Amino acid sequence: MDECPLPSKSAMLDLLQDLDLSSTNASLNSRMDVRRHRNIEIVLGCLGEKLAGPSSVSLLTKDVLDYLFENLSPIHHASVILHSLITLEKFSQTSENKMTICSRLKTISPSPLGLLEDWYHHTDFTKREVGFCARWCQDNLFINEKRKFTYEVLDLSKISVMLNSKDVSEYLKISANGLEARCDASSFESVRSTFPIDAGIWYYEATVITMGVMQIGWATKNSKFLNYEGYGIGDDEYSISYDGCRKLIWHNAKSNSNNHPAWKPGDILGLLLDLDNCEVIFSLNGDALPPNRAVFKFAKNGFLAAASFMSFQQCEFNFGHAPFMYPPSDVQFQTFNYHGSLTQQEKIILPRHKKLQQLRLVKVKDNSCNLCFDERASVRLEPCQHSGFCSTCVSQLELCPLCRVNITSWTNEEKLLPETNGIEIKNNGAVKQVLQSQTLDENFQNSDDKTIKDENG
């Protein structure tokens, strides 16, 4: 479906008529034909996500809405409930659909999402997926003013290392405690931890929640993640990963098979990194593979725990905040959680709408990188001569973001400039920045409420 042209409005109406998605039909058939209804929901979710504005709104008819809400009932199979929830989430990417869904939720008591959230720690792993998605939706999409956000009630005092929520795209869902991640997008989403390691022997574990394609392992800050092109952990020279679905070890986009069985929900993946002997050892439920040294030809330090996820995949990480299930018995190792450190503010993973509120308050400097808006834009690309980027962002690029030409090299222009001190000159209420070694930029647009300073103030 990703490669197909978008359907016409008449084609969508024909599809809905053929599917006959009334609530009565859903109630009678969902328990009898789980795969059919799960796949219907996936198709509807894909269309709801890809169609923009009015087309997406016209697809979410009353029958479709009734069908999806009926399938949230706990009487149905957990897989049908899960994909009904994900489909509602995808429809809500159009604001009018989101308002429609929120209005329907307000008419139902008790809230179906609140009931499903109770499955968050369920021993049935599909129900656990439902619980995760229900909680995430209530925190990020379908806000109930009477419900506290998860981050407000969690005790994070024993957690000092998390997945880095500031190092991911908007399509990867990270739990409020920073230890569980899930992807429901059609892209290959990646995440790294907050704590880099440079020496010693380290170990962490990942609990497999879903049995599909995930690549879990180790990466450095130099690793390149191209989510829409399918490049993740293990697909460049600076990372290595274990893929238990396809029974492969990935490094530099090349794979080697192993003799482990395919992983299944509940399995524990162990990951040992020995920087003293330059070895990586993967284990599944305590059964260790031979050491792998391939990544150390390109990287020696700065490693972070990392993972990549295909659609509908999820796992939970243990960096040492809880006892390990299969700790290595023949080597003395260190844990992330014992040595890591996060402030209370750094531990908070804000819901999306709260992040957007904070972003609206951020003032971006005129000389900021056009990609991260954080570091100073000081790099000029070769051969296209485009600029406006920082060295950190450019180090992760292969093509120029503006013209898509291959980057052969780049120059850090900041190092070529003489040292300058910033001063402020007020002119008719506006504040302009003048560098002592340069003339005033005549193209600067005056603004009565905007102040720009250099790093020295």
Protein backbone atom coordinates (compact mmCIF):
# COMPACT_ATOMS: atom_id res chain seq x y z
CA MET A 1 0.00 0.00 0.00
CA ASP A 2 2.94 2.33 0.55
CA GLU A 3 3.78 2.12 -3.16
CA CYS A 4 0.21 2.40 -4.53
CA PRO A 5 -1.48 5.59 -5.77
CA LEU A 6 -4.00 7.04 -3.34
CA PRO A 7 -7.56 5.84 -4.04
CA SER A 8 -10.27 8.14 -5.36
CA LYS A 9 -13.20 9.14 -3.18
CA SER A 10 -15.55 6.87 -5.11
CA ALA A 11 -13.16 3.95 -4.67
CA MET A 12 -13.15 4.52 -0.90
CA LEU A 13 -16.94 4.59 -0.78
CA ASP A 14 -17.08 1.35 -2.76
CA LEU A 15 -14.61 -0.19 -0.31
CA LEU A 16 -16.68 0.82 2.72
CA GLN A 17 -19.83 -0.55 1.12
CA ASP A 18 -18.16 -3.88 0.37
CA LEU A 19 -16.77 -4.17 3.90
CA ASP A 20 -20.17 -3.43 5.52
CA LEU A 21 -18.62 -1.99 8.67
CA SER A 22 -21.63 -1.65 10.94
CA SER A 23 -21.30 -2.18 14.69
CA THR A 24 -23.68 -5.18 14.48
CA ASN A 25 -21.41 -6.82 11.91
CA ALA A 26 -18.35 -6.16 14.06
CA SER A 27 -19.96 -7.56 17.19
CA LEU A 28 -21.03 -10.77 15.48
CA ASN A 29 -17.90 -11.49 13.47
CA SER A 30 -14.83 -10.06 15.28
CA ARG A 31 -14.47 -13.06 17.56
CA MET A 32 -14.95 -15.52 14.69
CA ASP A 33 -12.53 -14.07 12.12
CA VAL A 34 -9.75 -12.27 13.98
CA ARG A 35 -7.33 -11.95 11.07
CA ARG A 36 -9.95 -10.49 8.71
CA HIS A 37 -10.96 -7.72 11.10
CA ARG A 38 -7.38 -7.03 12.14
CA ASN A 39 -6.43 -6.58 8.49
CA ILE A 40 -9.48 -4.39 7.79
CA GLU A 41 -8.36 -2.12 10.61
CA ILE A 42 -4.79 -1.99 9.29
CA VAL A 43 -6.05 -1.00 5.81
CA LEU A 44 -8.34 1.66 7.26
CA GLY A 45 -5.50 2.98 9.42
CA CYS A 46 -3.13 3.14 6.46
CA LEU A 47 -5.68 5.06 4.38
CA GLY A 48 -6.60 7.33 7.27
CA GLU A 49 -2.95 8.20 7.78
CA LYS A 50 -2.04 8.78 4.13
CA LEU A 51 -5.14 10.69 3.03
CA ALA A 52 -5.03 14.36 3.89
CA GLY A 53 -7.75 16.61 5.23
CA PRO A 54 -11.23 16.17 3.69
CA SER A 55 -10.45 12.75 2.18
CA SER A 56 -9.50 11.34 5.57
CA VAL A 57 -12.57 12.96 7.16
CA SER A 58 -14.88 11.46 4.53
CA LEU A 59 -13.41 8.00 5.20
CA LEU A 60 -14.24 8.19 8.91
CA THR A 61 -17.99 7.71 8.44
CA LYS A 62 -20.38 6.97 11.28
CA ASP A 63 -20.29 3.26 10.39
CA VAL A 64 -16.47 3.21 10.45
CA LEU A 65 -16.42 5.05 13.78
CA ASP A 66 -19.03 2.69 15.26
CA TYR A 67 -17.07 -0.28 13.96
CA LEU A 68 -13.79 0.86 15.50
CA PHE A 69 -15.34 1.75 18.86
CA GLU A 70 -17.24 -1.55 19.00
CA ASN A 71 -13.94 -3.35 18.46
CA LEU A 72 -12.49 -1.67 21.57
CA SER A 73 -14.72 -3.84 23.73
CA PRO A 74 -12.76 -6.32 25.91
CA ILE A 75 -14.97 -9.14 24.62
CA HIS A 76 -13.03 -9.11 21.34
CA HIS A 77 -9.66 -10.66 20.63
CA ALA A 78 -6.75 -8.51 21.88
CA SER A 79 -5.31 -8.24 18.35
CA VAL A 80 -8.57 -6.74 17.03
CA ILE A 81 -8.70 -4.30 19.96
CA LEU A 82 -5.06 -3.31 19.42
CA HIS A 83 -5.42 -2.45 15.75
CA SER A 84 -8.73 -0.69 16.29
CA LEU A 85 -6.93 1.55 18.77
CA ILE A 86 -4.01 2.16 16.38
CA THR A 87 -6.45 2.96 13.53
CA LEU A 88 -8.22 5.57 15.66
CA GLU A 89 -4.80 7.03 16.43
CA LYS A 90 -3.94 7.28 12.71
CA PHE A 91 -7.27 8.90 11.86
CA SER A 92 -6.66 11.47 14.60
CA GLN A 93 -3.71 12.90 12.64
CA THR A 94 -6.40 14.97 10.89
CA SER A 95 -7.63 17.52 13.40
CA GLU A 96 -11.31 17.23 12.47
CA ASN A 97 -11.16 13.45 12.92
CA LYS A 98 -9.44 13.92 16.26
CA MET A 99 -12.26 16.16 17.46
CA THR A 100 -14.82 13.59 16.29
CA ILE A 101 -13.07 10.76 18.14
CA CYS A 102 -12.64 12.83 21.33
CA SER A 103 -16.32 13.79 21.24
CA ARG A 104 -17.32 10.13 20.98
CA LEU A 105 -15.03 9.20 23.89
CA LYS A 106 -16.68 11.82 26.10
CA THR A 107 -20.06 10.12 25.61
CA ILE A 108 -18.82 6.74 26.89
CA SER A 109 -18.49 6.00 30.60
CA PRO A 110 -16.33 4.44 31.82
CA SER A 111 -13.75 5.34 29.18
CA PRO A 112 -12.81 2.31 27.05
CA LEU A 113 -9.22 3.55 26.96
CA GLY A 114 -9.10 3.70 30.74
CA LEU A 115 -10.29 0.09 30.95
CA LEU A 116 -7.75 -1.06 28.36
CA GLU A 117 -4.92 0.80 30.11
CA ASP A 118 -5.27 -1.69 32.97
CA TRP A 119 -3.70 -4.27 30.65
CA TYR A 120 -0.38 -2.38 30.68
CA HIS A 121 1.39 -5.09 32.74
CA HIS A 122 -0.69 -8.06 31.53
CA THR A 123 1.02 -11.43 31.18
CA ASP A 124 -0.65 -11.88 27.76
CA PHE A 125 1.73 -9.89 25.60
CA THR A 126 -0.87 -8.84 23.01
CA LYS A 127 -3.00 -7.41 25.81
CA ARG A 128 0.13 -5.73 27.11
CA GLU A 129 0.49 -4.03 23.71
CA VAL A 130 -3.10 -2.83 24.04
CA GLY A 131 -2.38 -1.44 27.50
CA PHE A 132 0.70 0.40 26.24
CA CYS A 133 -1.16 1.97 23.29
CA ALA A 134 -4.17 2.90 25.43
CA ARG A 135 -1.95 4.71 27.92
CA TRP A 136 0.05 6.42 25.19
CA CYS A 137 -3.10 7.63 23.42
CA GLN A 138 -4.54 9.06 26.64
CA ASP A 139 -1.28 10.89 27.35
CA ASN A 140 -0.69 12.19 23.83
CA LEU A 141 -3.88 12.28 21.74
CA PHE A 142 -7.21 11.77 23.45
CA ILE A 143 -6.79 13.91 26.54
CA ASN A 144 -9.13 13.40 29.49
CA GLU A 145 -9.00 16.46 31.73
CA LYS A 146 -9.95 14.38 34.77
CA ARG A 147 -7.03 12.00 34.26
CA LYS A 148 -3.49 12.85 35.37
CA PHE A 149 -0.72 12.37 32.84
CA THR A 150 1.39 9.27 33.43
CA TYR A 151 4.60 11.23 33.94
CA GLU A 152 2.93 13.08 36.82
CA VAL A 153 2.26 9.93 38.86
CA LEU A 154 5.28 7.72 38.06
CA ASP A 155 8.07 7.20 40.59
CA LEU A 156 11.29 7.56 38.59
CA SER A 157 13.64 7.81 41.56
CA LYS A 158 15.30 4.45 40.80
CA ILE A 159 15.82 5.18 37.09
CA SER A 160 19.00 7.00 36.04
CA VAL A 161 19.27 5.90 32.38
CA MET A 162 16.49 5.98 29.77
CA LEU A 163 15.85 5.86 26.08
CA ASN A 164 16.66 9.30 24.72
CA SER A 165 13.29 10.81 23.81
CA LYS A 166 15.08 13.84 22.31
CA ASP A 167 16.96 11.62 19.86
CA VAL A 168 13.95 10.13 18.02
CA SER A 169 11.40 11.08 15.42
CA GLU A 170 7.78 11.80 16.34
CA TYR A 171 6.75 8.36 15.07
CA LEU A 172 8.39 6.32 17.83
CA LYS A 173 6.34 5.94 21.00
CA ILE A 174 8.35 5.92 24.23
CA SER A 175 6.77 5.08 27.57
CA ALA A 176 6.63 7.70 30.32
CA ASN A 177 9.34 5.85 32.28
CA GLY A 178 11.66 5.92 29.26
CA LEU A 179 12.23 2.16 29.21
CA GLU A 180 9.76 0.87 26.62
CA ALA A 181 9.44 1.75 22.94
CA ARG A 182 6.99 0.95 20.18
CA CYS A 183 6.63 1.78 16.48
CA ASP A 184 3.25 1.81 14.69
CA ALA A 185 4.43 3.82 11.67
CA SER A 186 5.43 2.39 8.29
CA SER A 187 9.01 3.63 8.77
CA PHE A 188 11.99 1.95 10.49
CA GLU A 189 12.32 3.98 13.70
CA SER A 190 15.44 4.03 15.90
CA VAL A 191 16.37 5.18 19.40
CA ARG A 192 19.51 5.34 21.57
CA SER A 193 19.94 5.50 25.33
CA THR A 194 20.99 8.57 27.31
CA PHE A 195 24.24 7.12 28.70
CA PRO A 196 27.41 6.63 26.54
CA ILE A 197 30.19 4.29 27.62
CA ASP A 198 33.88 4.50 26.74
CA ALA A 199 35.59 1.70 28.70
CA GLY A 200 34.90 -1.44 30.70
CA ILE A 201 32.38 -4.27 30.42
CA TRP A 202 28.66 -3.45 30.28
CA TYR A 203 25.41 -5.39 30.09
CA TYR A 204 21.71 -4.72 29.58
CA GLU A 205 18.64 -6.76 28.69
CA ALA A 206 15.63 -6.25 26.43
CA THR A 207 12.31 -8.05 26.87
CA VAL A 208 10.72 -8.97 23.53
CA ILE A 209 7.06 -7.89 23.51
CA THR A 210 6.41 -8.55 19.80
CA MET A 211 7.99 -11.19 17.60
CA GLY A 212 8.56 -9.11 14.45
CA VAL A 213 11.56 -7.28 12.99
CA MET A 214 13.57 -5.30 15.53
CA GLN A 215 17.32 -4.69 15.50
CA ILE A 216 18.59 -4.28 19.07
CA GLY A 217 22.21 -3.68 20.00
CA TRP A 218 24.85 -0.98 20.28
CA ALA A 219 25.45 2.27 18.39
CA THR A 220 27.53 5.44 18.69
CA LYS A 221 26.56 9.05 18.19
CA ASN A 222 28.00 8.76 14.65
CA SER A 223 25.43 6.13 13.64
CA LYS A 224 23.13 7.21 10.81
CA PHE A 225 19.43 6.40 11.02
CA LEU A 226 17.41 6.81 7.81
CA ASN A 227 13.95 5.77 8.94
CA TYR A 228 12.15 5.98 5.59
CA GLU A 229 14.94 4.17 3.76
CA GLY A 230 15.01 1.28 6.24
CA TYR A 231 18.42 2.02 7.78
CA GLY A 232 18.69 1.46 11.53
CA ILE A 233 20.93 -0.07 14.17
CA GLY A 234 23.45 -2.39 12.51
CA ASP A 235 23.04 -0.81 9.09
CA ASP A 236 26.19 1.32 9.26
CA GLU A 237 29.78 0.84 10.34
CA TYR A 238 29.26 2.42 13.78
CA SER A 239 26.62 0.01 15.09
CA ILE A 240 25.84 -3.67 15.55
CA SER A 241 22.52 -5.36 16.30
CA TYR A 242 20.66 -8.61 16.91
CA ASP A 243 17.60 -9.41 14.80
CA GLY A 244 15.78 -12.32 16.45
CA CYS A 245 12.93 -12.43 13.93
CA ARG A 246 15.20 -13.20 10.98
CA LYS A 247 17.88 -14.80 13.21
CA LEU A 248 20.62 -12.43 12.02
CA ILE A 249 23.42 -10.26 13.38
CA TRP A 250 23.64 -6.94 11.52
CA HIS A 251 26.70 -4.72 11.04
CA ASN A 252 27.43 -2.21 8.28
CA ALA A 253 24.20 -3.28 6.48
CA LYS A 254 25.51 -6.85 6.19
CA SER A 255 24.13 -9.81 8.10
CA ASN A 256 25.30 -13.14 9.47
CA SER A 257 22.97 -15.92 10.56
CA ASN A 258 23.10 -17.66 13.95
CA ASN A 259 21.76 -20.88 15.46
CA HIS A 260 19.29 -19.28 17.88
CA PRO A 261 15.59 -19.99 17.39
CA ALA A 262 13.39 -17.09 16.27
CA TRP A 263 12.48 -14.97 19.25
CA LYS A 264 8.96 -14.85 20.65
CA PRO A 265 7.11 -12.57 23.08
CA GLY A 266 8.58 -12.88 26.57
CA ASP A 267 12.09 -13.81 25.43
CA ILE A 268 15.01 -11.98 27.02
CA LEU A 269 17.79 -10.65 24.81
CA GLY A 270 21.06 -10.12 26.68
CA LEU A 271 23.64 -7.66 25.32
CA LEU A 272 27.19 -7.61 26.64
CA LEU A 273 29.73 -5.02 25.47
CA ASP A 274 33.36 -5.67 26.45
CA LEU A 275 35.39 -2.61 25.51
CA ASP A 276 38.52 -4.00 27.18
CA ASN A 277 38.66 -6.99 24.82
CA CYS A 278 36.69 -5.41 21.94
CA GLU A 279 33.87 -7.95 21.98
CA VAL A 280 30.09 -7.90 21.68
CA ILE A 281 28.18 -10.95 22.94
CA PHE A 282 24.45 -11.49 22.31
CA SER A 283 22.43 -14.05 24.24
CA LEU A 284 18.81 -15.21 24.01
CA ASN A 285 17.33 -16.47 27.27
CA GLY A 286 20.85 -17.04 28.58
CA ASP A 287 22.14 -18.92 25.50
CA ALA A 288 25.14 -16.85 24.37
CA LEU A 289 26.50 -16.57 20.83
CA PRO A 290 30.27 -16.42 20.11
CA PRO A 291 31.87 -12.97 20.53
CA ASN A 292 31.56 -10.55 17.62
CA ARG A 293 34.30 -7.94 16.98
CA ALA A 294 33.26 -6.40 13.65
CA VAL A 295 32.12 -3.01 14.96
CA PHE A 296 35.44 -2.29 16.67
CA LYS A 297 37.16 -1.78 13.32
CA PHE A 298 35.31 1.53 13.13
CA ALA A 299 34.41 2.52 16.71
CA LYS A 300 36.23 2.15 20.01
CA ASN A 301 34.16 4.22 22.44
CA GLY A 302 31.04 6.33 22.89
CA PHE A 303 28.69 3.33 22.66
CA LEU A 304 25.01 3.57 23.58
CA ALA A 305 22.31 0.95 23.91
CA ALA A 306 20.12 1.26 20.82
CA ALA A 307 17.29 -0.35 18.86
CA SER A 308 15.30 -0.04 15.62
CA PHE A 309 11.66 -1.07 15.11
CA MET A 310 9.52 -2.05 12.15
CA SER A 311 5.74 -1.49 12.18
CA PHE A 312 3.78 -2.77 15.18
CA GLN A 313 6.90 -3.79 17.12
CA GLN A 314 7.65 -3.17 20.79
CA CYS A 315 10.20 -4.10 23.48
CA GLU A 316 11.16 -3.10 27.02
CA PHE A 317 14.68 -2.30 28.23
CA ASN A 318 16.33 -3.07 31.55
CA PHE A 319 19.43 -0.97 32.09
CA GLY A 320 19.85 -2.25 35.64
CA HIS A 321 16.99 -0.63 37.54
CA ALA A 322 15.62 -4.15 38.16
CA PRO A 323 17.39 -7.54 38.58
CA PHE A 324 18.52 -9.10 35.31
CA MET A 325 16.94 -12.39 34.21
CA TYR A 326 20.08 -13.90 32.66
CA PRO A 327 23.15 -11.99 33.89
CA PRO A 328 26.51 -13.33 32.59
CA SER A 329 28.09 -15.51 35.26
CA ASP A 330 31.63 -15.70 33.86
CA VAL A 331 32.46 -11.99 33.76
CA GLN A 332 32.16 -9.01 36.07
CA PHE A 333 30.18 -6.27 34.34
CA GLN A 334 28.84 -2.80 35.03
CA THR A 335 25.27 -1.53 34.60
CA PHE A 336 24.07 1.70 33.04
CA ASN A 337 21.65 2.49 35.83
CA TYR A 338 24.31 2.36 38.55
CA HIS A 339 26.67 4.76 36.79
CA GLY A 340 24.22 6.96 34.88
CA SER A 341 22.70 10.19 36.07
CA LEU A 342 19.64 12.22 35.06
CA THR A 343 18.11 15.26 36.66
CA GLN A 344 14.42 15.21 37.58
CA GLN A 345 13.71 17.45 34.62
CA GLU A 346 15.64 15.18 32.23
CA LYS A 347 13.58 12.18 33.36
CA ILE A 348 10.30 13.77 32.30
CA ILE A 349 9.03 12.61 28.91
CA LEU A 350 6.37 15.15 28.10
CA PRO A 351 3.24 14.36 26.06
CA ARG A 352 3.36 15.64 22.50
CA HIS A 353 1.07 18.61 22.96
CA LYS A 354 3.08 19.81 25.95
CA LYS A 355 6.29 19.52 23.92
CA LEU A 356 4.72 21.67 21.21
CA GLN A 357 3.72 24.25 23.80
CA GLN A 358 7.32 24.45 24.97
CA LEU A 359 8.64 24.66 21.40
CA ARG A 360 6.41 27.64 20.71
CA LEU A 361 8.17 29.48 23.53
CA VAL A 362 11.66 28.75 22.20
CA LYS A 363 13.42 31.62 20.48
CA VAL A 364 15.68 30.39 17.70
CA LYS A 365 18.82 32.39 16.92
CA ASP A 366 19.21 33.61 13.37
CA ASN A 367 22.50 31.74 13.03
CA SER A 368 21.13 28.40 14.23
CA CYS A 369 21.40 25.18 12.23
CA ASN A 370 18.40 24.75 9.91
CA LEU A 371 18.07 21.10 10.94
CA CYS A 372 18.45 20.97 14.74
CA PHE A 373 17.95 24.70 15.52
CA ASP A 374 20.33 24.14 18.42
CA GLU A 375 23.96 24.53 17.39
CA ARG A 376 25.47 27.34 15.33
CA ALA A 377 25.22 26.99 11.54
CA SER A 378 28.85 27.01 10.48
CA VAL A 379 29.25 24.42 7.74
CA ARG A 380 29.38 24.78 3.95
CA LEU A 381 28.79 21.65 1.86
CA GLU A 382 30.79 20.55 -1.14
CA PRO A 383 30.29 20.55 -4.08
CA CYS A 384 26.89 22.28 -3.93
CA GLN A 385 28.09 25.14 -1.66
CA HIS A 386 24.89 25.11 0.42
CA SER A 387 25.19 26.23 4.04
CA GLY A 388 23.05 26.72 7.13
CA PHE A 389 23.93 23.51 8.99
CA CYS A 390 26.03 22.54 12.01
CA SER A 391 28.84 19.99 12.00
CA THR A 392 26.87 17.56 14.22
CA CYS A 393 23.99 17.33 11.75
CA VAL A 394 26.19 17.25 8.66
CA SER A 395 28.18 14.32 10.04
CA GLN A 396 24.97 12.25 9.80
CA LEU A 397 24.09 13.29 6.23
CA GLU A 398 24.97 11.74 2.89
CA LEU A 399 22.89 14.06 0.68
CA CYS A 400 22.43 17.81 0.84
CA PRO A 401 18.98 18.49 2.39
CA LEU A 402 18.38 21.31 -0.10
CA CYS A 403 19.44 19.92 -3.48
CA ARG A 404 19.90 16.17 -2.74
CA VAL A 405 23.42 16.16 -4.22
CA ASN A 406 25.94 13.75 -2.68
CA ILE A 407 28.12 15.45 -0.06
CA THR A 408 31.79 14.89 -0.92
CA SER A 409 33.21 17.09 1.86
CA TRP A 410 32.36 20.08 4.01
CA THR A 411 34.10 23.11 5.48
CA ASN A 412 33.62 24.47 8.97
CA GLU A 413 33.52 28.18 8.22
CA GLU A 414 33.41 29.12 11.90
CA LYS A 415 37.04 28.04 12.27
CA LEU A 416 38.02 30.27 9.37
CA LEU A 417 36.59 33.45 10.92
CA PRO A 418 38.62 35.63 13.31
CA GLU A 419 37.45 35.76 16.90
CA THR A 420 34.83 38.47 17.39
CA ASN A 421 32.97 39.96 20.29
CA GLY A 422 29.28 40.76 20.03
CA ILE A 423 27.91 44.18 20.91
CA GLU A 424 24.36 45.49 20.81
CA ILE A 425 23.28 48.64 18.99
CA LYS A 426 19.76 49.91 19.59
CA ASN A 427 18.12 51.62 16.65
CA ASN A 428 14.55 52.89 16.91
CA GLY A 429 13.68 50.30 19.54
CA ALA A 430 15.15 47.39 17.61
CA VAL A 431 18.23 45.47 18.67
CA LYS A 432 20.75 44.45 16.05
CA GLN A 433 23.84 42.32 16.37
CA VAL A 434 27.12 43.75 15.19
CA LEU A 435 30.36 41.86 15.06
CA GLN A 436 33.40 44.08 15.55
CA SER A 437 35.16 42.52 12.59
CA GLN A 438 32.15 42.80 10.29
CA THR A 439 29.80 45.50 9.06
CA LEU A 440 26.16 45.66 10.01
CA ASP A 441 24.04 43.22 8.03
CA GLU A 442 21.83 45.51 5.95
CA ASN A 443 19.39 42.69 5.26
CA PHE A 444 18.51 42.28 8.93
CA GLN A 445 14.80 42.85 9.45
CA ASN A 446 14.09 45.08 12.46
CA SER A 447 11.77 43.71 15.12
CA ASP A 448 10.71 45.58 18.24
CA ASP A 449 10.30 42.40 20.27
CA LYS A 450 13.32 40.39 19.11
CA THR A 451 16.77 40.35 20.67
CA ILE A 452 19.76 38.55 19.20
CA LYS A 453 23.02 38.06 21.00
CA ASP A 454 26.12 36.04 20.31
CA GLU A 455 27.31 33.29 22.66
CA ASN A 456 29.27 35.80 24.74
CA GLY A 457 26.08 37.74 25.51
